[in-house]
N, C-alpha and C. Protein backbone atom coordinates (compact mmCIF):
# COMPACT_ATOMS: atom_id res chain seq x y z
N UNK A 1 0.85 -1.18 0.00
CA UNK A 1 0.00 0.00 0.00
C UNK A 1 0.89 1.24 0.00
N UNK A 2 0.59 2.14 -0.93
CA UNK A 2 1.35 3.37 -1.04
C UNK A 2 0.40 4.56 -0.86
N UNK A 3 0.99 5.65 -0.37
CA UNK A 3 0.20 6.84 -0.08
C UNK A 3 0.73 8.02 -0.87
N UNK A 4 -0.20 8.81 -1.37
CA UNK A 4 0.12 10.08 -2.02
C UNK A 4 -0.51 11.16 -1.16
N UNK A 5 0.33 12.00 -0.59
CA UNK A 5 -0.19 13.12 0.20
C UNK A 5 -0.31 14.31 -0.74
N UNK A 6 -1.53 14.58 -1.16
CA UNK A 6 -1.81 15.73 -2.02
C UNK A 6 -1.92 16.93 -1.08
N UNK A 7 -0.84 17.68 -1.02
CA UNK A 7 -0.63 18.66 0.04
C UNK A 7 -0.90 20.08 -0.42
N UNK A 8 -1.70 20.79 0.36
CA UNK A 8 -1.93 22.21 0.11
C UNK A 8 -0.62 22.94 0.43
N UNK A 9 -0.26 23.90 -0.39
CA UNK A 9 1.04 24.57 -0.23
C UNK A 9 1.23 25.20 1.15
N UNK A 10 0.16 25.64 1.78
CA UNK A 10 0.29 26.25 3.12
C UNK A 10 0.73 25.25 4.18
N UNK A 11 0.46 23.96 3.94
CA UNK A 11 0.85 22.93 4.90
C UNK A 11 2.36 22.74 4.97
N UNK A 12 3.04 23.08 3.90
CA UNK A 12 4.49 22.85 3.83
C UNK A 12 5.25 23.66 4.88
N UNK A 13 4.69 24.78 5.29
CA UNK A 13 5.35 25.66 6.25
C UNK A 13 4.94 25.41 7.70
N UNK A 14 3.92 24.60 7.91
CA UNK A 14 3.37 24.44 9.26
C UNK A 14 4.16 23.43 10.08
N UNK A 15 4.49 23.82 11.29
CA UNK A 15 5.21 22.93 12.21
C UNK A 15 4.32 21.79 12.71
N UNK A 16 3.01 21.96 12.63
CA UNK A 16 2.10 20.92 13.13
C UNK A 16 1.52 20.06 12.00
N UNK A 17 2.19 20.02 10.86
CA UNK A 17 1.74 19.19 9.73
C UNK A 17 2.13 17.74 9.97
N UNK A 18 1.14 16.88 10.16
CA UNK A 18 1.43 15.47 10.45
C UNK A 18 1.83 14.69 9.21
N UNK A 19 1.62 15.26 8.04
CA UNK A 19 2.08 14.61 6.81
C UNK A 19 3.59 14.42 6.82
N UNK A 20 4.31 15.35 7.43
CA UNK A 20 5.77 15.23 7.52
C UNK A 20 6.16 14.01 8.34
N UNK A 21 5.39 13.71 9.37
CA UNK A 21 5.66 12.51 10.19
C UNK A 21 5.45 11.27 9.34
N UNK A 22 4.38 11.24 8.58
CA UNK A 22 4.08 10.09 7.72
C UNK A 22 5.21 9.88 6.71
N UNK A 23 5.63 10.95 6.05
CA UNK A 23 6.70 10.83 5.06
C UNK A 23 8.00 10.36 5.69
N UNK A 24 8.28 10.83 6.90
CA UNK A 24 9.51 10.43 7.58
C UNK A 24 9.55 8.97 7.95
N UNK A 25 8.41 8.39 8.27
CA UNK A 25 8.35 6.98 8.68
C UNK A 25 8.16 6.05 7.49
N UNK A 26 7.27 6.39 6.59
CA UNK A 26 6.95 5.48 5.48
C UNK A 26 7.87 5.64 4.27
N UNK A 27 8.64 6.69 4.24
CA UNK A 27 9.62 6.97 3.19
C UNK A 27 9.17 6.57 1.79
N UNK A 28 9.64 5.46 1.24
CA UNK A 28 9.34 5.07 -0.14
C UNK A 28 7.90 4.71 -0.40
N UNK A 29 7.11 4.51 0.66
CA UNK A 29 5.70 4.17 0.49
C UNK A 29 4.80 5.40 0.56
N UNK A 30 5.42 6.57 0.61
CA UNK A 30 4.65 7.81 0.72
C UNK A 30 5.29 8.88 -0.15
N UNK A 31 4.46 9.50 -0.97
CA UNK A 31 4.94 10.55 -1.87
C UNK A 31 4.17 11.84 -1.60
N UNK A 32 4.90 12.94 -1.59
CA UNK A 32 4.29 14.25 -1.45
C UNK A 32 4.06 14.83 -2.83
N UNK A 33 2.84 15.28 -3.08
CA UNK A 33 2.50 15.99 -4.31
C UNK A 33 1.84 17.29 -3.87
N UNK A 34 2.43 18.41 -4.27
CA UNK A 34 1.84 19.70 -3.92
C UNK A 34 0.66 19.96 -4.86
N UNK A 35 -0.51 20.24 -4.26
CA UNK A 35 -1.72 20.49 -5.04
C UNK A 35 -1.59 21.82 -5.76
N UNK A 36 -1.84 21.79 -7.06
CA UNK A 36 -1.88 23.00 -7.88
C UNK A 36 -3.17 22.95 -8.69
N UNK A 37 -4.02 23.90 -8.45
CA UNK A 37 -5.35 23.88 -9.07
C UNK A 37 -5.27 23.83 -10.59
N UNK A 38 -4.38 24.59 -11.17
CA UNK A 38 -4.32 24.67 -12.63
C UNK A 38 -3.32 23.69 -13.26
N UNK A 39 -2.51 23.04 -12.44
CA UNK A 39 -1.49 22.13 -12.97
C UNK A 39 -1.49 20.83 -12.18
N UNK A 40 -2.48 19.96 -12.40
CA UNK A 40 -2.50 18.71 -11.64
C UNK A 40 -1.31 17.82 -12.01
N UNK A 41 -0.85 17.06 -11.06
CA UNK A 41 0.28 16.16 -11.23
C UNK A 41 -0.08 15.05 -12.23
N UNK A 42 0.73 14.90 -13.27
CA UNK A 42 0.43 13.94 -14.34
C UNK A 42 0.46 12.49 -13.86
N UNK A 43 1.40 12.14 -13.00
CA UNK A 43 1.45 10.75 -12.52
C UNK A 43 0.24 10.43 -11.64
N UNK A 44 -0.22 11.41 -10.87
CA UNK A 44 -1.42 11.22 -10.06
C UNK A 44 -2.64 11.05 -10.97
N UNK A 45 -2.75 11.89 -11.99
CA UNK A 45 -3.87 11.78 -12.93
C UNK A 45 -3.88 10.40 -13.58
N UNK A 46 -2.72 9.89 -13.92
CA UNK A 46 -2.62 8.58 -14.55
C UNK A 46 -3.09 7.47 -13.61
N UNK A 47 -2.64 7.51 -12.36
CA UNK A 47 -3.07 6.50 -11.38
C UNK A 47 -4.58 6.53 -11.17
N UNK A 48 -5.15 7.73 -11.09
CA UNK A 48 -6.59 7.86 -10.89
C UNK A 48 -7.36 7.38 -12.12
N UNK A 49 -6.87 7.72 -13.30
CA UNK A 49 -7.55 7.32 -14.54
C UNK A 49 -7.55 5.80 -14.71
N UNK A 50 -6.47 5.15 -14.28
CA UNK A 50 -6.37 3.69 -14.39
C UNK A 50 -7.01 2.98 -13.20
N UNK A 51 -7.63 3.74 -12.32
CA UNK A 51 -8.28 3.22 -11.11
C UNK A 51 -7.32 2.40 -10.25
N UNK A 52 -6.08 2.88 -10.17
CA UNK A 52 -5.09 2.27 -9.28
C UNK A 52 -5.00 3.03 -7.97
N UNK A 53 -5.68 4.16 -7.90
CA UNK A 53 -5.66 4.98 -6.69
C UNK A 53 -7.09 5.40 -6.35
N UNK A 54 -7.33 5.56 -5.07
CA UNK A 54 -8.60 6.08 -4.58
C UNK A 54 -8.31 7.26 -3.67
N UNK A 55 -9.22 8.20 -3.65
CA UNK A 55 -9.09 9.38 -2.81
C UNK A 55 -9.80 9.11 -1.49
N UNK A 56 -9.10 9.31 -0.40
CA UNK A 56 -9.72 9.18 0.92
C UNK A 56 -10.48 10.47 1.20
N UNK A 57 -11.80 10.34 1.37
CA UNK A 57 -12.62 11.53 1.60
C UNK A 57 -13.89 11.08 2.32
N UNK A 58 -14.28 11.83 3.36
CA UNK A 58 -15.49 11.43 4.11
C UNK A 58 -16.74 11.48 3.23
N UNK A 59 -17.46 10.41 3.21
CA UNK A 59 -18.68 10.30 2.40
C UNK A 59 -19.65 11.44 2.72
N UNK A 60 -19.79 11.77 3.99
CA UNK A 60 -20.77 12.80 4.37
C UNK A 60 -20.34 14.20 3.95
N UNK A 61 -19.10 14.38 3.54
CA UNK A 61 -18.63 15.70 3.10
C UNK A 61 -18.72 15.89 1.59
N UNK A 62 -19.12 14.85 0.86
CA UNK A 62 -19.22 14.98 -0.59
C UNK A 62 -20.42 15.83 -0.97
N UNK A 63 -20.25 16.69 -1.96
CA UNK A 63 -21.39 17.48 -2.42
C UNK A 63 -22.46 16.56 -3.01
N UNK A 64 -23.70 16.73 -2.61
CA UNK A 64 -24.77 15.85 -3.08
C UNK A 64 -25.18 16.17 -4.51
N UNK A 65 -24.92 17.38 -4.98
CA UNK A 65 -25.35 17.73 -6.33
C UNK A 65 -24.49 17.07 -7.40
N UNK A 66 -23.37 16.51 -7.06
CA UNK A 66 -22.49 15.90 -8.06
C UNK A 66 -22.80 14.42 -8.21
N UNK A 67 -23.99 14.10 -8.64
CA UNK A 67 -24.40 12.70 -8.74
C UNK A 67 -23.95 12.04 -10.03
N UNK A 68 -23.52 12.83 -11.02
CA UNK A 68 -23.08 12.22 -12.27
C UNK A 68 -21.58 11.93 -12.29
N UNK A 69 -20.93 12.06 -11.16
CA UNK A 69 -19.50 11.78 -11.08
C UNK A 69 -19.23 10.31 -11.38
N UNK A 70 -18.30 10.03 -12.32
CA UNK A 70 -18.04 8.64 -12.68
C UNK A 70 -17.28 7.86 -11.61
N UNK A 71 -16.67 8.54 -10.66
CA UNK A 71 -15.94 7.84 -9.61
C UNK A 71 -16.87 7.06 -8.72
N UNK A 72 -16.44 5.91 -8.26
CA UNK A 72 -17.26 5.10 -7.37
C UNK A 72 -16.83 5.33 -5.94
N UNK A 73 -17.76 5.06 -5.03
CA UNK A 73 -17.47 5.18 -3.61
C UNK A 73 -17.38 3.79 -3.04
N UNK A 74 -16.27 3.48 -2.38
CA UNK A 74 -16.04 2.15 -1.84
C UNK A 74 -16.35 2.14 -0.35
N UNK A 75 -17.51 1.63 0.06
CA UNK A 75 -17.86 1.60 1.47
C UNK A 75 -17.32 0.38 2.20
N UNK A 76 -16.94 -0.65 1.48
CA UNK A 76 -16.55 -1.92 2.07
C UNK A 76 -15.04 -1.96 2.30
N UNK A 77 -14.58 -2.21 3.54
CA UNK A 77 -13.14 -2.29 3.80
C UNK A 77 -12.42 -3.32 2.94
N UNK A 78 -13.12 -4.34 2.45
CA UNK A 78 -12.48 -5.33 1.57
C UNK A 78 -12.03 -4.68 0.26
N UNK A 79 -12.68 -3.58 -0.12
CA UNK A 79 -12.31 -2.87 -1.35
C UNK A 79 -10.96 -2.16 -1.19
N UNK A 80 -10.48 -2.09 0.02
CA UNK A 80 -9.20 -1.46 0.29
C UNK A 80 -8.10 -2.05 -0.59
N UNK A 81 -8.19 -3.33 -0.88
CA UNK A 81 -7.15 -4.01 -1.65
C UNK A 81 -7.34 -3.85 -3.15
N UNK A 82 -8.36 -3.11 -3.56
CA UNK A 82 -8.59 -2.87 -4.99
C UNK A 82 -7.63 -1.84 -5.56
N UNK A 83 -6.94 -1.12 -4.70
CA UNK A 83 -6.09 -0.01 -5.12
C UNK A 83 -4.66 -0.21 -4.61
N UNK A 84 -3.71 0.28 -5.40
CA UNK A 84 -2.31 0.23 -4.97
C UNK A 84 -1.92 1.51 -4.22
N UNK A 85 -2.64 2.59 -4.47
CA UNK A 85 -2.32 3.89 -3.88
C UNK A 85 -3.57 4.52 -3.26
N UNK A 86 -3.34 5.26 -2.19
CA UNK A 86 -4.40 6.05 -1.58
C UNK A 86 -3.96 7.51 -1.54
N UNK A 87 -4.84 8.38 -2.01
CA UNK A 87 -4.57 9.81 -2.05
C UNK A 87 -5.23 10.43 -0.83
N UNK A 88 -4.43 11.13 -0.04
CA UNK A 88 -4.94 11.80 1.16
C UNK A 88 -4.72 13.30 0.97
N UNK A 89 -5.78 14.07 1.14
CA UNK A 89 -5.67 15.52 1.03
C UNK A 89 -5.06 16.03 2.33
N UNK A 90 -3.81 16.45 2.24
CA UNK A 90 -3.04 16.90 3.41
C UNK A 90 -3.23 18.40 3.54
N UNK A 91 -4.23 18.77 4.33
CA UNK A 91 -4.63 20.17 4.45
C UNK A 91 -5.60 20.29 5.62
N UNK A 92 -5.95 21.52 5.98
CA UNK A 92 -7.04 21.68 6.94
C UNK A 92 -8.31 21.22 6.24
N UNK A 93 -9.37 20.97 7.01
CA UNK A 93 -10.62 20.53 6.37
C UNK A 93 -11.17 21.59 5.44
N UNK A 94 -11.01 22.86 5.81
CA UNK A 94 -11.49 23.92 4.94
C UNK A 94 -10.72 23.90 3.61
N UNK A 95 -9.40 23.74 3.69
CA UNK A 95 -8.58 23.69 2.49
C UNK A 95 -8.89 22.43 1.67
N UNK A 96 -9.06 21.30 2.36
CA UNK A 96 -9.33 20.02 1.67
C UNK A 96 -10.63 20.10 0.87
N UNK A 97 -11.65 20.70 1.46
CA UNK A 97 -12.93 20.85 0.74
C UNK A 97 -12.76 21.72 -0.50
N UNK A 98 -11.97 22.78 -0.36
CA UNK A 98 -11.70 23.67 -1.49
C UNK A 98 -10.93 22.91 -2.57
N UNK A 99 -9.91 22.16 -2.18
CA UNK A 99 -9.12 21.37 -3.13
C UNK A 99 -10.03 20.41 -3.90
N UNK A 100 -10.90 19.73 -3.17
CA UNK A 100 -11.82 18.77 -3.79
C UNK A 100 -12.77 19.48 -4.77
N UNK A 101 -13.34 20.58 -4.32
CA UNK A 101 -14.31 21.34 -5.12
C UNK A 101 -13.68 21.89 -6.40
N UNK A 102 -12.41 22.28 -6.32
CA UNK A 102 -11.75 22.92 -7.46
C UNK A 102 -10.97 21.94 -8.34
N UNK A 103 -11.08 20.66 -8.07
CA UNK A 103 -10.32 19.66 -8.82
C UNK A 103 -11.25 18.59 -9.40
N UNK A 104 -11.70 18.76 -10.63
CA UNK A 104 -12.60 17.78 -11.23
C UNK A 104 -12.04 16.36 -11.19
N UNK A 105 -10.73 16.21 -11.31
CA UNK A 105 -10.15 14.86 -11.29
C UNK A 105 -10.32 14.18 -9.94
N UNK A 106 -10.38 14.94 -8.85
CA UNK A 106 -10.65 14.35 -7.53
C UNK A 106 -12.12 13.96 -7.43
N UNK A 107 -12.99 14.81 -7.95
CA UNK A 107 -14.43 14.52 -7.92
C UNK A 107 -14.76 13.27 -8.73
N UNK A 108 -14.04 13.04 -9.82
CA UNK A 108 -14.31 11.91 -10.70
C UNK A 108 -13.59 10.63 -10.27
N UNK A 109 -12.67 10.75 -9.35
CA UNK A 109 -11.89 9.59 -8.91
C UNK A 109 -12.71 8.67 -8.01
N UNK A 110 -12.29 7.42 -7.92
CA UNK A 110 -12.87 6.52 -6.92
C UNK A 110 -12.51 7.06 -5.55
N UNK A 111 -13.42 6.86 -4.60
CA UNK A 111 -13.21 7.37 -3.25
C UNK A 111 -13.38 6.26 -2.22
N UNK A 112 -12.72 6.45 -1.10
CA UNK A 112 -12.79 5.50 0.01
C UNK A 112 -13.00 6.32 1.27
N UNK A 113 -13.81 5.81 2.17
CA UNK A 113 -14.10 6.51 3.41
C UNK A 113 -13.77 5.63 4.60
N UNK A 114 -13.25 6.24 5.64
CA UNK A 114 -13.01 5.52 6.88
C UNK A 114 -14.24 5.68 7.76
N UNK A 115 -14.84 4.57 8.13
CA UNK A 115 -16.02 4.60 8.98
C UNK A 115 -15.69 3.98 10.33
N UNK A 116 -16.38 4.42 11.36
CA UNK A 116 -16.22 3.85 12.71
C UNK A 116 -14.78 3.88 13.19
N UNK A 117 -14.15 5.03 13.07
CA UNK A 117 -12.76 5.15 13.49
C UNK A 117 -12.68 5.75 14.89
N UNK A 118 -11.54 5.56 15.50
CA UNK A 118 -11.27 6.14 16.81
C UNK A 118 -11.26 7.66 16.68
N UNK A 119 -11.84 8.39 17.62
CA UNK A 119 -11.82 9.85 17.53
C UNK A 119 -10.39 10.40 17.49
N UNK A 120 -10.23 11.51 16.83
CA UNK A 120 -8.92 12.13 16.67
C UNK A 120 -8.33 12.56 18.00
N UNK A 121 -7.03 12.40 18.11
CA UNK A 121 -6.31 12.91 19.28
C UNK A 121 -5.55 14.18 18.92
N UNK A 122 -5.61 14.58 17.67
CA UNK A 122 -4.88 15.76 17.20
C UNK A 122 -5.67 17.00 17.57
N UNK A 123 -5.13 17.76 18.50
CA UNK A 123 -5.87 18.92 19.00
C UNK A 123 -5.11 20.23 18.77
N UNK A 124 -4.22 20.23 17.81
CA UNK A 124 -3.39 21.40 17.57
C UNK A 124 -4.01 22.43 16.65
N UNK A 125 -5.16 22.11 16.10
CA UNK A 125 -5.85 23.06 15.23
C UNK A 125 -7.31 23.11 15.64
N UNK A 126 -7.85 24.31 15.67
CA UNK A 126 -9.26 24.45 16.00
C UNK A 126 -10.11 24.47 14.74
N UNK A 127 -11.41 24.60 14.91
CA UNK A 127 -12.36 24.76 13.80
C UNK A 127 -12.23 23.66 12.75
N UNK A 128 -12.12 22.42 13.20
CA UNK A 128 -11.97 21.30 12.27
C UNK A 128 -13.25 20.47 12.23
N UNK A 129 -13.34 19.64 11.22
CA UNK A 129 -14.50 18.79 11.01
C UNK A 129 -14.69 17.85 12.19
N UNK A 130 -15.90 17.83 12.72
CA UNK A 130 -16.20 16.91 13.81
C UNK A 130 -16.06 15.47 13.30
N UNK A 131 -15.31 14.68 14.03
CA UNK A 131 -15.07 13.30 13.63
C UNK A 131 -13.96 13.16 12.61
N UNK A 132 -13.35 14.28 12.20
CA UNK A 132 -12.27 14.23 11.22
C UNK A 132 -10.96 13.79 11.84
N UNK A 133 -10.11 13.24 11.03
CA UNK A 133 -8.79 12.79 11.46
C UNK A 133 -7.72 13.61 10.77
N UNK A 134 -6.57 13.74 11.42
CA UNK A 134 -5.44 14.38 10.76
C UNK A 134 -4.82 13.39 9.78
N UNK A 135 -3.90 13.86 8.98
CA UNK A 135 -3.28 13.02 7.94
C UNK A 135 -2.66 11.77 8.52
N UNK A 136 -1.86 11.90 9.58
CA UNK A 136 -1.20 10.73 10.17
C UNK A 136 -2.22 9.72 10.69
N UNK A 137 -3.28 10.19 11.31
CA UNK A 137 -4.31 9.28 11.82
C UNK A 137 -5.00 8.53 10.68
N UNK A 138 -5.22 9.20 9.56
CA UNK A 138 -5.82 8.53 8.39
C UNK A 138 -4.93 7.40 7.90
N UNK A 139 -3.64 7.67 7.79
CA UNK A 139 -2.71 6.66 7.30
C UNK A 139 -2.64 5.49 8.28
N UNK A 140 -2.61 5.79 9.57
CA UNK A 140 -2.59 4.72 10.59
C UNK A 140 -3.82 3.83 10.44
N UNK A 141 -4.99 4.44 10.28
CA UNK A 141 -6.24 3.66 10.12
C UNK A 141 -6.19 2.79 8.86
N UNK A 142 -5.71 3.34 7.76
CA UNK A 142 -5.63 2.57 6.52
C UNK A 142 -4.65 1.41 6.65
N UNK A 143 -3.52 1.66 7.29
CA UNK A 143 -2.54 0.58 7.50
C UNK A 143 -3.14 -0.53 8.36
N UNK A 144 -3.86 -0.15 9.41
CA UNK A 144 -4.51 -1.16 10.27
C UNK A 144 -5.52 -1.98 9.47
N UNK A 145 -6.35 -1.30 8.68
CA UNK A 145 -7.35 -2.00 7.86
C UNK A 145 -6.69 -2.97 6.88
N UNK A 146 -5.51 -2.61 6.40
CA UNK A 146 -4.80 -3.44 5.43
C UNK A 146 -4.01 -4.57 6.10
N UNK A 147 -4.05 -4.61 7.44
CA UNK A 147 -3.33 -5.66 8.15
C UNK A 147 -1.85 -5.37 8.31
N UNK A 148 -1.44 -4.14 8.06
CA UNK A 148 -0.04 -3.75 8.20
C UNK A 148 0.18 -3.16 9.60
N UNK A 149 -0.03 -4.01 10.61
CA UNK A 149 -0.02 -3.56 12.00
C UNK A 149 1.33 -3.02 12.45
N UNK A 150 2.41 -3.62 11.98
CA UNK A 150 3.74 -3.17 12.39
C UNK A 150 4.00 -1.74 11.92
N UNK A 151 3.70 -1.47 10.66
CA UNK A 151 3.87 -0.11 10.13
C UNK A 151 2.92 0.86 10.83
N UNK A 152 1.69 0.43 11.07
CA UNK A 152 0.71 1.28 11.76
C UNK A 152 1.19 1.62 13.16
N UNK A 153 1.73 0.64 13.87
CA UNK A 153 2.21 0.87 15.24
C UNK A 153 3.40 1.81 15.27
N UNK A 154 4.32 1.62 14.33
CA UNK A 154 5.49 2.51 14.28
C UNK A 154 5.07 3.94 13.99
N UNK A 155 4.18 4.11 13.02
CA UNK A 155 3.70 5.45 12.70
C UNK A 155 2.93 6.04 13.87
N UNK A 156 2.10 5.25 14.53
CA UNK A 156 1.33 5.74 15.68
C UNK A 156 2.26 6.21 16.79
N UNK A 157 3.32 5.47 17.04
CA UNK A 157 4.29 5.84 18.08
C UNK A 157 4.90 7.21 17.77
N UNK A 158 5.35 7.40 16.54
CA UNK A 158 5.99 8.67 16.16
C UNK A 158 4.97 9.81 16.09
N UNK A 159 3.77 9.52 15.65
CA UNK A 159 2.73 10.54 15.62
C UNK A 159 2.40 11.01 17.03
N UNK A 160 2.24 10.07 17.97
CA UNK A 160 1.92 10.43 19.35
C UNK A 160 3.03 11.27 19.98
N UNK A 161 4.29 10.92 19.71
CA UNK A 161 5.41 11.71 20.22
C UNK A 161 5.39 13.11 19.61
N UNK A 162 5.12 13.21 18.33
CA UNK A 162 5.03 14.49 17.64
C UNK A 162 3.90 15.33 18.21
N UNK A 163 2.75 14.72 18.42
CA UNK A 163 1.57 15.42 18.93
C UNK A 163 1.81 15.94 20.35
N UNK A 164 2.50 15.14 21.17
CA UNK A 164 2.81 15.58 22.55
C UNK A 164 3.82 16.71 22.56
N UNK A 165 4.75 16.71 21.62
CA UNK A 165 5.84 17.69 21.61
C UNK A 165 5.41 19.06 21.11
N UNK A 166 4.30 19.12 20.39
CA UNK A 166 3.85 20.40 19.86
C UNK A 166 3.36 21.31 20.98
N UNK A 167 3.69 22.59 20.90
CA UNK A 167 3.15 23.51 21.90
C UNK A 167 1.64 23.65 21.73
N UNK A 168 0.95 23.77 22.83
CA UNK A 168 -0.52 23.90 22.79
C UNK A 168 -0.95 25.25 22.28
């Protein structure tokens, strides 16, 4: 399982960006792609077009008016193995919604949602989506679902240390 962190440019400067923790631990299994509204990454577009990647996005946050989107929504955890890559929008929830809304290729891509997850422990940002997870927590959940417990545990350990070390 590989991860693509589609990162909003403002996240690159933030000391509390958990995507950096994910990249540091997963190294070759995680790629950073900076989101550019007018210049989408060609390799990402190719993975999405070939249905080798799914976008992690909460089902309840999807716009209801976009019913003609060709992308499918995978509610079943067994579908996790249908993809080689998972795209995670590495941004605040406000930024992630904007990225999704302004990127037709994300709207048309297959999507996967994490249901019944442990509540977030990331409290370094206010005004966030209720029930939402930070980037590192999303990756930990996906690794657990995929049976990659060792990688999930290692990432969880480093994420927790990072979260504790941040000033409140």
